[in-house]
Each structure stands twice: as structure tokens, then as C-alpha cells.
Amino acid sequence: MPSLDPVPRIACLMVPLFPLAARLRSEPELAQEALAVLAGSGPAARVVAATRLARRAGIRPGFTLSQARVRLPKLIARPRDAECERAAREALLDVAESFSPRVEDGDEGLAYLDACGLERHYPGESPDEELGRALMLASEQRAGLPIRVGIAASKLAARVAAGQPHSPTLVPAGGEARFLAPLPLSRLTPQAKTLATLTSWGIHSLGELADLPKDEVASRLGPMGQDLHAMARGVDPEPLMPRHPPPAFAEGMELEWPLVNLEPFVFVARGALERITLRMQSQGLACERLGLSLELEPDGHHERSITLPAPTRDVKTLLTLVRLDLEAHPPGAPILAFTLNAHPDKPREAQLSLFGPAALSPDKLATTVARLFSMLGKGRVGSPRTVDAHRPERFALEPYAPPPPPKERPEARLGRGLLTVRVLRPPLEIEVITDRRGAPGSGGNGHGDHGGSSGEGSYVEATEVAEPVTEYASARAEERPISFKTLIGEEESRKPRIEGRVRVASGPWGLEEDWWSPDRLERDYWDVELTSGGLYRIYRDRGNGDWFVDGVYD
């Protein structure tokens, strides 16, 4: 008796060159320009995608910016933008969900939807082809994303079909194995060891793998080989996993009498937050954004939204954030009723490791970060990252995300004898005695000048350096420091005191930044070693002649 179960039909939506498409979605005026999107910063930045005009000029993924500009001097470069890509990914899912309620979020630029039953909306000669064209049109008009569509009975076959140059590409029901047969084994992304084993057997394509006996492959390669054999025959070992948008949890109440003071409101808000966190905990969720809606006397309203740095279920942290927000933005009238809306997300999962320390507890980490956020405020909690700039003190603040535990035992690294610098923030102003005898054009007068904040330009007798110093690094060198001390007043007694004679001085290394603007920066850096043994990084501001120490080498 034939099966009454419907044949599964899965549509795959693929955005080619997703980082580029996400960038052009935010800057459509660059679509007709020679544009390249780069990942990384500085010399390590590499091209990941480029427009057609740039590709015609020979720009390829993996090029550095310098290599790309050699071929195309007028190339426009943009870095990968995580926010643009996140918004584009959500827009793609919105398009898919407008056609089917069962949508799976794939990798970046990928989405799968259950197409079973949708043929009723396209009663033409080729319903699947009409569905594919409708998806492409909707994505272009509503999301601003060009997509390719593949439709098949399995996710793998649909994804491969979506990667074809002609779209939409349809795989007939039952023809998945024949469609996948010519493809190389690398399309299944097996482990290197498994791929080497199959290659040693003389298996190079999916069709050759599908022709092997299923039981023999499973007995020799285990469960992984069994899954690879199933995918080569067009059968997905994992079904479509629908994406469920996180629900919103709301708790509130109408008050018996208007509340004027903050403390009584915090007391009743605690109960509402406890109920919300219990409901989220029952579904394995945590609060990512907290909305507060207040009804004021007589007919007013007060709306606030608090975004947390990480999902958490800690009531004390959430209550502290509500208190601080109301203190900063008071409602201005007695409170008659309130509603708390928790927008949840899945908390981060901890992972154990055999080759290193276990990952930090996600719940405890989120709670700690949220408490720091409540105490320090927005823009003051995160991880510092270097930026592509010349000034050493410049940095960017990114959300704190600890690295995952290592998957393999890391190999021991041999030391390279590098020094680390402990940066002083802010830098300490110093008084420097310099020697002009080695400076170009000085005539070897044997005197030094008194630098620093005094600015008097007075000359004092220069003492000899304990050991010979190197020659000047450039003709721009003016004075070589021979001794210095920090300028610290009585009210700054906690700052470190540094003073002594210079034993060895290396430099200067010139630094210029924003030379085209009125606020340009010009400095000369020196690495100096004192006779007392300390090693410091100091610099002279060419604009006003002041000296500072901004680093200590450990």
C-alpha cells in the first residue's frame, strides 16, 4: 500500500557574497562602484567579497588592501559590519516567514523553509518555479537582498541547488541522489581523517559514496560515515529545525493608590520581576531587553527600554537597572499602574574541555556584566580592542565575550624575548633635561635645555651619559634626554614618582596623525633606560614641547 505521507519539499534561500550584500543593503549607492569588503584590520585585513566592477579588475578574495589597490587605485574599501549583517540576516528570515511558518535559520546568508502545501498558492504548470521566483522578488523588494533559490526534498540538495548560477533551480522529487552524484566529497565537509579514508578507497564523488553498501560504510566509519552516506543519497540525517521567535513575557499590576516615591515602586516591581524570571526559567530563556511602561496620574504615560549587555535572570541585577533608569529619567507624576516586558533570548551555554579550563558560567558571567553595566553606565563595560590608528592610546570597546575552551591540546610556544609595556593612563608629565651635542646642526655646544611644562627654555649644564648612546634615528632628532623626573603636586601624591639619569636612550620615532586637520598630532617617542634599572617609553609633544611618560616596560 503506498504511503500517504507527503513528499517533503524544502526551499533554500541563499544570499551570494553575503558580507557584500549586507553592506550594499545599507549603502545601495555603492552598488555600481568598485567596492571591496574586508575582514580584519591593518595589514591583516583581507578581501572577502567585491562588486562585479572590482572583480573585473582582478580583485579576488584573500587580497590585502594594498594588493587590491595596486590593481585598482580607486577601489572603495569597507570593513565587515556585524550590525549590517545581523539586520540582513533578520530581513532574510522575515521574507522566508512571510511564505511559511516553518523556517530554519541556516548559516550566514542561508535560510530554509518548508514548502509543502505552498503549491496550492501557485496553481500554474510549475508551482515550485513560481514559488522560487516569488521568493526572489520578495527578497529584492522587501529586504533589498539578491538571493538564489533551490528547492528539493532535502536541505543538502536544496542548498546545492541554490548555489547554481541559474535560479530558481528545482530538483525533482526522488532525484536528489542523481543530482548530487557528480559533486565532490568536499561538499559534505567531512572530517579530514574521514575524507582521507574515503579517498584511499578510491571514492571521489558523492555518487560513488552512495553506491557503497550502507551497512559496510557504517561498520567501517561509524555514525559519521552513516550520516555521510545518507546525505550522499539525498537524505538529511537532521530534519528541518523551525525557528521560533522568542516570546515576550509581561508582568504588571494596577496599584491601589498612586505611588509618589521610588522605594514603594521598587518593592512592587521586585515581585513582578520574580514572576517573569520564573516563567523565563521554565523555558530556558533569560532577559535580554527589559521594557517598562508606566501609567501616570491623571492620564500620562512613561515608556522606557533597558538593553542588557548579556541575557540574565538575576532579579537583583534587573531591579538595580530599573532603579537607576528611573532615577536618571523620573516619570514626573504619581504612578497608577505599571507593566514590565521582558524580551528574552537563550542564555549562553557553558562547555567543558579536556585540554583547558572550563568555560565561564554563562549565567554568572551575564549577571556580573549586567551589574557592572548598572554601576558604571552605558559605554563603560566591555573588552578593549586595538584600532587601526597610529596613536597608542586609541582603542575601541567591544562586548565582552570570553574565548571558548580549546578543542585540541595547544602546542607550547617558544618565547621570542619580547617585552610587554604597561601603559600609564593618563600619561605622567615629566621634566626632562636634554643634551644637544649630538643633534644635527647644534654645533656641539655641550649644553642641554630644561623641557617639560615650564617652557622657559633655560639651559643648564648637561652631565655625561653613563654609557655611550646610539646615533640619532633621523635628522628630525632635536634633543636626547639625559635625565627626567615626574611633575607631581601635593594633591597627586598617589601617582608614581619616576626620576633618574638616563643610561641608554633609543629614538626618536616620529608619530604624526590627522595631519590634514587643525587638531593634528605630532610626537617624538623615546625608549629610555635609567641608571636605576627602569625601562620607560616617553614622548615629546612637538606642538608645545611638553614631555610625558606613558609606558613602563616589564
Protein backbone atom coordinates (compact mmCIF):
# COMPACT_ATOMS: atom_id res chain seq x y z
CA MET A 1 0.00 0.00 0.00
CA PRO A 2 1.57 3.36 -0.97
CA SER A 3 2.50 5.80 1.79
CA LEU A 4 0.10 8.66 2.40
CA ASP A 5 2.84 10.89 3.86
CA PRO A 6 3.51 13.92 1.61
CA VAL A 7 6.90 14.18 -0.06
CA PRO A 8 8.95 16.84 1.79
CA ARG A 9 9.80 19.94 -0.19
CA ILE A 10 12.38 22.31 1.24
CA ALA A 11 13.33 25.66 -0.27
CA CYS A 12 16.77 27.11 0.42
CA LEU A 13 17.30 30.89 0.20
CA MET A 14 20.97 31.77 -0.37
CA VAL A 15 22.44 35.28 -0.48
CA PRO A 16 25.58 35.17 -2.66
CA LEU A 17 28.54 37.13 -1.27
CA PHE A 18 26.59 37.77 1.91
CA PRO A 19 29.02 40.30 3.57
CA LEU A 20 28.91 42.40 0.38
CA ALA A 21 25.13 42.11 0.02
CA ALA A 22 24.63 43.14 3.65
CA ARG A 23 26.85 46.20 3.16
CA LEU A 24 25.11 47.22 -0.08
CA ARG A 25 21.76 46.85 1.67
CA SER A 26 22.83 49.70 3.98
CA GLU A 27 24.69 51.67 1.29
CA PRO A 28 22.87 50.99 -2.01
CA GLU A 29 24.63 53.92 -3.67
CA LEU A 30 27.82 51.80 -3.81
CA ALA A 31 26.25 49.04 -5.89
CA GLN A 32 27.63 50.46 -9.17
CA GLU A 33 31.06 51.28 -7.71
CA ALA A 34 34.23 49.23 -7.38
CA LEU A 35 33.77 48.13 -3.77
CA ALA A 36 35.56 45.52 -1.67
CA VAL A 37 34.54 44.30 1.79
CA LEU A 38 37.44 43.37 4.05
CA ALA A 39 37.71 41.27 7.20
CA GLY A 40 40.32 42.14 9.83
CA SER A 41 42.21 45.36 10.42
CA GLY A 42 45.54 46.81 9.45
CA PRO A 43 47.95 44.69 7.38
CA ALA A 44 45.98 41.55 8.30
CA ALA A 45 42.82 42.77 6.52
CA ARG A 46 41.80 40.59 3.58
CA VAL A 47 39.18 40.98 0.87
CA VAL A 48 36.19 38.65 1.45
CA ALA A 49 33.88 39.92 -1.28
CA ALA A 50 33.87 42.51 -4.07
CA THR A 51 31.41 44.02 -6.53
CA ARG A 52 31.34 42.96 -10.17
CA LEU A 53 33.25 46.06 -11.27
CA ALA A 54 36.03 45.25 -8.81
CA ARG A 55 36.10 41.59 -9.80
CA ARG A 56 36.50 42.55 -13.44
CA ALA A 57 39.64 44.45 -12.43
CA GLY A 58 41.09 41.26 -10.93
CA ILE A 59 40.20 41.75 -7.27
CA ARG A 60 39.87 38.35 -5.62
CA PRO A 61 39.08 37.12 -2.06
CA GLY A 62 42.23 36.89 0.02
CA PHE A 63 43.87 40.01 -1.43
CA THR A 64 45.23 42.55 1.01
CA LEU A 65 44.08 46.14 0.60
CA SER A 66 47.49 47.09 -0.77
CA GLN A 67 47.39 44.31 -3.36
CA ALA A 68 43.86 45.28 -4.38
CA ARG A 69 44.74 48.97 -4.74
CA VAL A 70 47.70 48.10 -6.94
CA ARG A 71 45.22 46.65 -9.45
CA LEU A 72 42.54 49.27 -8.85
CA PRO A 73 43.77 52.52 -7.20
CA LYS A 74 40.23 53.96 -6.91
CA LEU A 75 38.88 50.89 -5.10
CA ILE A 76 36.42 51.70 -2.28
CA ALA A 77 37.10 49.61 0.84
CA ARG A 78 34.63 48.86 3.61
CA PRO A 79 35.11 46.62 6.68
CA ARG A 80 32.67 43.85 7.57
CA ASP A 81 29.86 45.29 9.63
CA ALA A 82 28.36 42.87 12.16
CA GLU A 83 25.29 45.06 12.67
CA CYS A 84 24.59 45.27 8.93
CA GLU A 85 24.95 41.51 8.58
CA ARG A 86 22.70 40.85 11.59
CA ALA A 87 20.00 43.11 10.16
CA ALA A 88 20.31 41.50 6.72
CA ARG A 89 20.04 38.04 8.27
CA GLU A 90 16.88 39.00 10.14
CA ALA A 91 15.43 40.56 6.98
CA LEU A 92 16.06 37.33 5.05
CA LEU A 93 14.28 35.33 7.76
CA ASP A 94 11.37 37.78 7.70
CA VAL A 95 10.96 37.16 3.97
CA ALA A 96 11.01 33.39 4.49
CA GLU A 97 8.49 33.58 7.34
CA SER A 98 6.11 35.56 5.15
CA PHE A 99 5.79 32.43 2.95
CA SER A 100 5.90 29.63 5.53
CA PRO A 101 5.65 29.42 9.33
CA ARG A 102 8.34 26.70 9.40
CA VAL A 103 11.66 28.46 8.78
CA GLU A 104 15.15 27.39 9.81
CA ASP A 105 17.98 29.88 10.28
CA GLY A 106 20.99 28.44 8.44
CA ASP A 107 24.50 29.78 8.21
CA GLU A 108 25.09 33.44 7.35
CA GLY A 109 23.11 34.26 4.23
CA LEU A 110 21.13 30.98 4.35
CA ALA A 111 17.54 30.20 5.28
CA TYR A 112 15.40 27.09 4.79
CA LEU A 113 11.62 26.94 4.68
CA ASP A 114 9.10 24.13 4.49
CA ALA A 115 7.50 24.42 1.04
CA CYS A 116 4.97 21.59 1.49
CA GLY A 117 1.47 22.80 0.63
CA LEU A 118 2.61 26.08 -0.89
CA GLU A 119 1.91 24.73 -4.38
CA ARG A 120 -1.76 25.46 -3.72
CA HIS A 121 -0.95 29.17 -3.93
CA TYR A 122 0.79 28.72 -7.30
CA PRO A 123 -1.55 26.58 -9.44
CA GLY A 124 0.45 27.02 -12.66
CA GLU A 125 2.33 24.39 -14.65
CA SER A 126 5.41 24.62 -12.37
CA PRO A 127 4.39 25.62 -8.83
CA ASP A 128 7.92 25.23 -7.43
CA GLU A 129 9.39 27.50 -10.09
CA GLU A 130 6.71 30.13 -9.43
CA LEU A 131 7.41 29.87 -5.69
CA GLY A 132 11.12 30.36 -6.29
CA ARG A 133 10.54 33.44 -8.44
CA ALA A 134 8.14 34.86 -5.84
CA LEU A 135 10.77 34.38 -3.12
CA MET A 136 13.43 36.12 -5.21
CA LEU A 137 11.11 39.04 -5.97
CA ALA A 138 10.02 39.43 -2.34
CA SER A 139 13.62 39.38 -1.10
CA GLU A 140 14.66 42.00 -3.63
CA GLN A 141 11.74 44.33 -2.91
CA ARG A 142 11.24 43.93 0.84
CA ALA A 143 14.71 43.04 2.13
CA GLY A 144 16.98 44.55 -0.51
CA LEU A 145 18.87 41.26 -0.81
CA PRO A 146 19.52 39.36 -4.07
CA ILE A 147 19.00 35.66 -3.44
CA ARG A 148 19.20 32.34 -5.23
CA VAL A 149 16.59 29.67 -4.54
CA GLY A 150 16.89 25.90 -4.67
CA ILE A 151 14.01 23.51 -3.99
CA ALA A 152 14.45 19.81 -3.22
CA ALA A 153 13.38 17.11 -0.77
CA SER A 154 16.46 17.56 1.47
CA LYS A 155 18.31 20.54 2.90
CA LEU A 156 21.62 19.46 1.34
CA ALA A 157 20.18 19.10 -2.15
CA ALA A 158 18.28 22.40 -1.78
CA ARG A 159 21.46 24.18 -0.64
CA VAL A 160 23.48 22.79 -3.55
CA ALA A 161 20.70 23.73 -5.96
CA ALA A 162 20.61 27.28 -4.56
CA GLY A 163 24.32 27.58 -5.30
CA GLN A 164 23.79 27.05 -9.02
CA PRO A 165 24.15 30.11 -11.27
CA HIS A 166 20.61 29.80 -12.69
CA SER A 167 17.85 30.39 -10.17
CA PRO A 168 15.47 29.00 -9.15
CA THR A 169 16.92 25.50 -9.50
CA LEU A 170 14.49 22.62 -8.94
CA VAL A 171 15.40 19.04 -8.03
CA PRO A 172 12.62 16.57 -8.94
CA ALA A 173 11.23 14.50 -6.09
CA GLY A 174 13.30 11.35 -5.78
CA GLY A 175 16.09 12.74 -7.97
CA GLU A 176 18.27 14.07 -5.14
CA ALA A 177 20.83 11.26 -5.35
CA ARG A 178 21.18 11.70 -9.11
CA PHE A 179 21.53 15.47 -8.72
CA LEU A 180 24.25 15.14 -6.03
CA ALA A 181 26.17 12.29 -7.68
CA PRO A 182 28.68 14.37 -9.72
CA LEU A 183 29.67 16.57 -6.76
CA PRO A 184 33.00 16.05 -4.94
CA LEU A 185 33.10 14.71 -1.40
CA SER A 186 34.24 18.09 -0.07
CA ARG A 187 30.67 19.43 -0.49
CA LEU A 188 29.70 17.34 2.56
CA THR A 189 32.55 18.92 4.61
CA PRO A 190 33.64 15.63 6.23
CA GLN A 191 36.48 15.48 8.72
CA ALA A 192 39.95 15.35 7.20
CA LYS A 193 40.57 11.82 8.50
CA THR A 194 37.29 10.52 7.05
CA LEU A 195 37.93 12.28 3.74
CA ALA A 196 41.42 10.72 3.55
CA THR A 197 39.96 7.26 4.24
CA LEU A 198 37.35 7.60 1.51
CA THR A 199 39.95 8.89 -0.92
CA SER A 200 42.18 5.91 -0.18
CA TRP A 201 39.22 3.69 -1.11
CA GLY A 202 39.04 5.41 -4.49
CA ILE A 203 35.86 7.34 -3.60
CA HIS A 204 35.93 10.89 -5.01
CA SER A 205 32.30 11.86 -5.65
CA LEU A 206 29.01 11.67 -3.81
CA GLY A 207 27.64 9.22 -6.37
CA GLU A 208 30.49 6.79 -5.72
CA LEU A 209 29.87 7.07 -1.97
CA ALA A 210 26.11 6.50 -2.42
CA ASP A 211 26.81 3.28 -4.40
CA LEU A 212 28.63 1.69 -1.45
CA PRO A 213 26.66 -0.66 0.82
CA LYS A 214 25.14 1.28 3.70
CA ASP A 215 25.97 -1.31 6.36
CA GLU A 216 29.58 -1.65 5.23
CA VAL A 217 30.15 2.12 5.38
CA ALA A 218 28.56 2.32 8.85
CA SER A 219 30.64 -0.58 10.19
CA ARG A 220 33.91 0.95 8.99
CA LEU A 221 33.33 4.68 9.51
CA GLY A 222 30.83 4.65 12.36
CA PRO A 223 27.88 7.04 12.77
CA MET A 224 29.66 9.81 10.85
CA GLY A 225 30.08 7.58 7.83
CA GLN A 226 26.45 6.55 8.09
CA ASP A 227 25.36 10.22 8.02
CA LEU A 228 27.65 10.98 5.06
CA HIS A 229 26.22 8.02 3.14
CA ALA A 230 22.67 9.19 3.85
CA MET A 231 23.42 12.74 2.67
CA ALA A 232 25.09 11.40 -0.50
CA ARG A 233 21.80 9.61 -1.25
CA GLY A 234 19.87 12.86 -0.74
CA VAL A 235 18.54 12.01 2.75
CA ASP A 236 19.18 14.54 5.52
CA PRO A 237 20.11 12.97 8.88
CA GLU A 238 18.60 16.04 10.57
CA PRO A 239 15.10 17.30 9.78
CA LEU A 240 14.15 20.90 9.26
CA MET A 241 14.54 22.73 12.60
CA PRO A 242 11.95 25.55 12.61
CA ARG A 243 12.99 28.85 14.10
CA HIS A 244 10.76 30.01 16.92
CA PRO A 245 10.96 33.74 17.59
CA PRO A 246 11.42 34.30 21.32
CA PRO A 247 8.18 35.32 23.05
CA ALA A 248 7.78 38.34 25.27
CA PHE A 249 6.93 37.96 28.95
CA ALA A 250 4.91 40.68 30.62
CA GLU A 251 4.00 41.22 34.26
CA GLY A 252 2.41 44.22 35.90
CA MET A 253 -0.39 45.47 38.07
CA GLU A 254 -2.68 48.37 38.83
CA LEU A 255 -1.80 49.99 42.14
CA GLU A 256 -4.29 50.61 44.88
CA TRP A 257 -3.07 54.17 45.33
CA PRO A 258 -0.70 56.38 43.36
CA LEU A 259 2.95 55.93 44.23
CA VAL A 260 5.00 59.10 44.56
CA ASN A 261 8.28 57.76 45.95
CA LEU A 262 10.66 55.37 44.20
CA GLU A 263 11.12 52.88 47.06
CA PRO A 264 7.49 51.64 47.18
CA PHE A 265 7.54 51.15 43.42
CA VAL A 266 10.78 49.16 43.60
CA PHE A 267 9.16 46.90 46.20
CA VAL A 268 6.19 46.01 43.97
CA ALA A 269 8.41 45.78 40.86
CA ARG A 270 10.55 43.13 42.57
CA GLY A 271 7.57 40.75 42.74
CA ALA A 272 6.81 41.27 39.05
CA LEU A 273 10.43 40.60 38.10
CA GLU A 274 10.48 37.42 40.19
CA ARG A 275 7.44 36.14 38.33
CA ILE A 276 8.94 36.99 34.96
CA THR A 277 12.23 35.25 35.73
CA LEU A 278 10.42 32.11 36.87
CA ARG A 279 8.47 31.98 33.62
CA MET A 280 11.63 32.50 31.55
CA GLN A 281 13.47 29.86 33.54
CA SER A 282 10.76 27.31 32.79
CA GLN A 283 11.50 27.75 29.08
CA GLY A 284 15.26 28.01 29.40
CA LEU A 285 15.34 31.72 28.49
CA ALA A 286 16.83 34.86 30.01
CA CYS A 287 16.04 38.55 29.75
CA GLU A 288 17.94 40.44 27.05
CA ARG A 289 15.90 43.67 27.00
CA LEU A 290 13.53 44.98 29.64
CA GLY A 291 10.70 47.36 28.81
CA LEU A 292 8.96 49.48 31.43
CA SER A 293 5.54 51.06 30.84
CA LEU A 294 4.08 53.35 33.49
CA GLU A 295 0.57 54.80 33.67
CA LEU A 296 0.70 58.18 35.38
CA GLU A 297 -1.85 60.31 37.14
CA PRO A 298 -4.11 61.60 35.72
CA ASP A 299 -3.71 60.48 32.08
CA GLY A 300 0.02 60.31 31.40
CA HIS A 301 2.33 57.54 30.23
CA HIS A 302 6.03 56.90 30.65
CA GLU A 303 7.86 54.36 28.47
CA ARG A 304 11.42 53.16 29.00
CA SER A 305 13.53 50.37 27.48
CA ILE A 306 16.65 48.93 29.12
CA THR A 307 19.02 46.86 26.97
CA LEU A 308 21.19 44.46 28.93
CA PRO A 309 24.77 43.63 27.90
CA ALA A 310 24.01 39.89 28.22
CA PRO A 311 20.88 37.79 28.87
CA THR A 312 20.32 37.25 32.58
CA ARG A 313 17.70 36.02 35.05
CA ASP A 314 19.17 37.72 38.10
CA VAL A 315 16.32 39.65 39.78
CA LYS A 316 18.66 41.85 41.81
CA THR A 317 20.51 42.98 38.69
CA LEU A 318 17.30 43.72 36.78
CA LEU A 319 15.87 45.62 39.72
CA THR A 320 19.03 47.71 40.05
CA LEU A 321 18.84 48.63 36.37
CA VAL A 322 15.19 49.69 36.76
CA ARG A 323 16.03 51.79 39.81
CA LEU A 324 18.97 53.55 38.12
CA ASP A 325 16.96 54.22 34.97
CA LEU A 326 14.08 55.79 36.90
CA GLU A 327 16.50 57.88 38.93
CA ALA A 328 18.02 59.18 35.71
CA HIS A 329 14.63 59.61 33.98
CA PRO A 330 11.94 60.26 36.63
CA PRO A 331 8.34 59.90 35.38
CA GLY A 332 7.32 63.30 36.69
CA ALA A 333 3.91 62.24 38.12
CA PRO A 334 2.47 59.64 40.54
CA ILE A 335 2.36 56.07 39.20
CA LEU A 336 -1.05 54.43 38.85
CA ALA A 337 -0.07 51.17 37.09
CA PHE A 338 2.98 49.56 35.53
CA THR A 339 3.93 46.79 33.12
CA LEU A 340 7.30 45.10 32.77
CA ASN A 341 8.04 43.47 29.40
CA ALA A 342 10.97 41.05 29.24
CA HIS A 343 12.27 40.32 25.76
CA PRO A 344 14.09 37.02 26.19
CA ASP A 345 16.89 35.20 24.45
CA LYS A 346 18.69 31.93 25.02
CA PRO A 347 21.42 32.21 27.66
CA ARG A 348 24.91 31.26 26.66
CA GLU A 349 25.85 27.65 27.22
CA ALA A 350 28.95 26.54 29.11
CA GLN A 351 31.16 23.88 27.60
CA LEU A 352 33.61 21.54 29.29
CA SER A 353 37.05 20.90 27.81
CA LEU A 354 39.66 18.17 28.15
CA PHE A 355 42.51 20.46 27.13
CA GLY A 356 41.97 23.61 29.15
CA PRO A 357 39.85 25.32 31.80
CA ALA A 358 36.09 25.04 31.51
CA ALA A 359 34.16 27.92 30.02
CA LEU A 360 32.87 30.55 32.41
CA SER A 361 29.39 30.01 33.75
CA PRO A 362 27.19 31.94 31.28
CA ASP A 363 24.60 32.86 33.88
CA LYS A 364 27.17 34.12 36.38
CA LEU A 365 29.09 35.96 33.67
CA ALA A 366 25.92 37.65 32.38
CA THR A 367 24.96 38.65 35.92
CA THR A 368 28.40 40.10 36.64
CA VAL A 369 28.48 42.06 33.38
CA ALA A 370 24.95 43.35 33.98
CA ARG A 371 25.87 44.53 37.49
CA LEU A 372 28.95 46.34 36.16
CA PHE A 373 26.73 47.87 33.50
CA SER A 374 24.28 49.09 36.14
CA MET A 375 27.06 50.63 38.26
CA LEU A 376 29.24 52.15 35.53
CA GLY A 377 26.69 53.01 32.86
CA LYS A 378 26.47 52.57 29.11
CA GLY A 379 29.70 52.57 27.14
CA ARG A 380 31.91 51.70 30.11
CA VAL A 381 31.77 47.90 30.15
CA GLY A 382 33.42 45.65 27.57
CA SER A 383 36.73 44.45 26.18
CA PRO A 384 39.27 46.91 24.78
CA ARG A 385 40.42 46.24 21.24
CA THR A 386 43.08 47.96 19.20
CA VAL A 387 42.02 50.14 16.29
CA ASP A 388 43.71 50.96 13.02
CA ALA A 389 45.39 54.17 14.15
CA HIS A 390 48.87 55.46 14.96
CA ARG A 391 48.17 56.88 18.41
CA PRO A 392 48.94 54.18 21.04
CA GLU A 393 46.20 55.24 23.45
CA ARG A 394 43.38 54.79 20.95
CA PHE A 395 41.14 51.76 21.48
CA ALA A 396 37.63 50.52 20.85
CA LEU A 397 35.28 48.94 23.37
CA GLU A 398 33.54 45.72 22.29
CA PRO A 399 31.10 43.45 24.16
CA TYR A 400 32.93 41.07 26.45
CA ALA A 401 32.94 37.55 25.02
CA PRO A 402 35.43 35.10 26.57
CA PRO A 403 37.07 32.69 24.14
CA PRO A 404 35.69 29.14 24.08
CA PRO A 405 37.72 26.26 25.57
CA PRO A 406 40.28 24.78 23.17
CA LYS A 407 39.08 21.82 21.10
CA GLU A 408 42.58 20.39 20.85
CA ARG A 409 45.62 20.42 23.09
CA PRO A 410 47.50 23.63 22.26
CA GLU A 411 51.15 23.33 21.34
CA ALA A 412 53.66 25.08 23.56
CA ARG A 413 55.05 28.25 22.04
CA LEU A 414 58.69 29.16 22.29
CA GLY A 415 59.35 32.59 23.74
CA ARG A 416 60.66 35.30 21.44
CA GLY A 417 62.12 37.52 24.11
CA LEU A 418 59.50 40.25 23.64
CA LEU A 419 58.89 42.94 26.24
CA THR A 420 55.44 43.97 27.39
CA VAL A 421 54.60 47.58 28.09
CA ARG A 422 52.38 48.62 30.98
CA VAL A 423 50.62 51.72 29.73
CA LEU A 424 50.04 54.64 32.09
CA ARG A 425 46.61 56.22 31.76
CA PRO A 426 46.71 59.16 31.77
CA PRO A 427 50.38 59.74 30.89
CA LEU A 428 52.51 61.45 33.51
CA GLU A 429 54.01 64.82 32.73
CA ILE A 430 57.76 64.87 33.24
CA GLU A 431 60.58 67.40 33.40
CA VAL A 432 63.41 66.43 31.04
CA ILE A 433 66.99 67.56 30.78
CA THR A 434 68.30 67.06 27.26
CA ASP A 435 71.68 67.16 25.55
CA ARG A 436 72.12 68.93 22.22
CA ARG A 437 75.69 67.90 21.46
CA GLY A 438 74.69 65.01 19.19
CA ALA A 439 71.87 66.84 17.46
CA PRO A 440 72.33 67.77 13.82
CA GLY A 441 73.23 71.42 13.39
CA SER A 442 73.70 72.02 17.10
CA GLY A 443 77.39 72.63 16.83
CA GLY A 444 78.08 70.51 19.91
CA ASN A 445 77.54 73.27 22.45
CA GLY A 446 77.73 70.82 25.34
CA HIS A 447 74.56 72.18 26.96
CA GLY A 448 71.10 70.82 27.49
CA ASP A 449 67.76 72.57 27.84
CA HIS A 450 65.15 72.21 30.51
CA GLY A 451 61.93 70.79 28.88
CA GLY A 452 58.55 69.88 30.35
CA SER A 453 55.78 72.13 31.46
CA SER A 454 57.94 75.07 32.47
CA GLY A 455 58.52 76.08 28.83
CA GLU A 456 61.23 78.57 29.97
CA GLY A 457 63.85 77.28 27.52
CA SER A 458 66.58 77.81 30.15
CA TYR A 459 69.88 76.00 29.72
CA VAL A 460 71.66 74.02 32.39
CA GLU A 461 74.97 72.19 32.31
CA ALA A 462 74.49 68.68 30.88
CA THR A 463 76.03 65.75 32.65
CA GLU A 464 77.67 62.92 30.75
CA VAL A 465 75.61 59.82 30.00
CA ALA A 466 76.81 56.77 31.90
CA GLU A 467 77.35 54.73 28.72
CA PRO A 468 77.62 55.70 25.03
CA VAL A 469 74.25 56.05 23.33
CA THR A 470 73.29 55.22 19.76
CA GLU A 471 73.25 57.75 16.93
CA TYR A 472 70.09 59.62 16.06
CA ALA A 473 67.47 57.67 14.18
CA SER A 474 66.61 60.57 11.86
CA ALA A 475 67.58 64.11 11.00
CA ARG A 476 64.50 65.34 12.86
CA ALA A 477 66.07 64.47 16.24
CA GLU A 478 66.48 67.57 18.36
CA GLU A 479 67.46 66.69 21.91
CA ARG A 480 68.46 63.46 23.54
CA PRO A 481 67.11 63.04 27.13
CA ILE A 482 69.79 62.52 29.75
CA SER A 483 67.62 62.68 32.88
CA PHE A 484 63.99 63.28 33.84
CA LYS A 485 61.55 63.31 36.74
CA THR A 486 57.79 63.37 37.08
CA LEU A 487 55.98 66.60 37.91
CA ILE A 488 53.59 65.69 40.74
CA GLY A 489 51.91 68.14 43.06
CA GLU A 490 50.88 67.55 46.65
CA GLU A 491 47.30 66.68 45.61
CA GLU A 492 48.68 64.00 43.25
CA SER A 493 50.74 62.13 45.80
CA ARG A 494 49.24 58.77 44.78
CA LYS A 495 50.74 58.92 41.30
CA PRO A 496 54.00 57.04 40.78
CA ARG A 497 57.23 59.03 41.10
CA ILE A 498 59.84 58.36 38.44
CA GLU A 499 63.19 60.12 38.27
CA GLY A 500 66.80 59.38 37.44
CA ARG A 501 69.59 59.72 34.91
CA VAL A 502 69.29 58.08 31.52
CA ARG A 503 71.71 55.23 30.86
CA VAL A 504 70.64 54.38 27.30
CA ALA A 505 68.21 56.25 25.01
CA SER A 506 66.88 54.93 21.69
CA GLY A 507 64.96 57.14 19.30
CA PRO A 508 63.31 59.28 18.28
CA TRP A 509 60.43 57.58 16.47
CA GLY A 510 58.19 60.18 14.93
CA LEU A 511 54.41 59.87 15.04
CA GLU A 512 52.02 62.01 13.02
CA GLU A 513 48.25 61.66 12.91
CA ASP A 514 45.45 63.73 11.39
CA TRP A 515 47.98 65.93 9.64
CA TRP A 516 45.21 67.32 7.44
CA SER A 517 43.17 68.68 10.37
CA PRO A 518 43.76 71.62 12.75
CA ASP A 519 43.96 69.13 15.66
CA ARG A 520 46.87 67.22 14.18
CA LEU A 521 49.12 65.20 16.47
CA GLU A 522 52.93 65.20 16.26
CA ARG A 523 55.11 63.34 18.74
CA ASP A 524 58.65 62.01 19.09
CA TYR A 525 58.91 58.77 21.09
CA TRP A 526 61.98 57.51 23.00
CA ASP A 527 62.74 54.27 24.81
CA VAL A 528 65.00 55.10 27.76
CA GLU A 529 66.71 53.01 30.42
CA LEU A 530 67.59 54.72 33.72
CA THR A 531 70.71 54.02 35.69
CA SER A 532 68.42 52.70 38.44
CA GLY A 533 67.28 49.93 36.06
CA GLY A 534 63.81 51.07 34.93
CA LEU A 535 62.86 50.97 31.22
CA TYR A 536 60.29 53.56 30.09
CA ARG A 537 58.58 54.89 26.99
CA ILE A 538 58.49 58.68 26.86
CA TYR A 539 57.47 61.16 24.19
CA ARG A 540 57.72 64.85 23.39
CA ASP A 541 54.76 66.78 22.01
CA ARG A 542 56.10 68.86 19.14
CA GLY A 543 53.22 71.32 19.44
CA ASN A 544 54.02 72.67 22.90
CA GLY A 545 57.31 70.94 23.72
CA ASP A 546 55.92 69.11 26.79
CA TRP A 547 57.30 65.68 27.73
CA PHE A 548 55.32 62.72 29.08
CA VAL A 549 55.99 59.15 30.19
CA ASP A 550 53.20 56.82 29.05
CA GLY A 551 54.62 53.31 29.42
CA VAL A 552 56.73 51.08 31.64
CA TYR A 553 58.39 48.00 30.13
CA ASP A 554 58.11 44.91 32.32
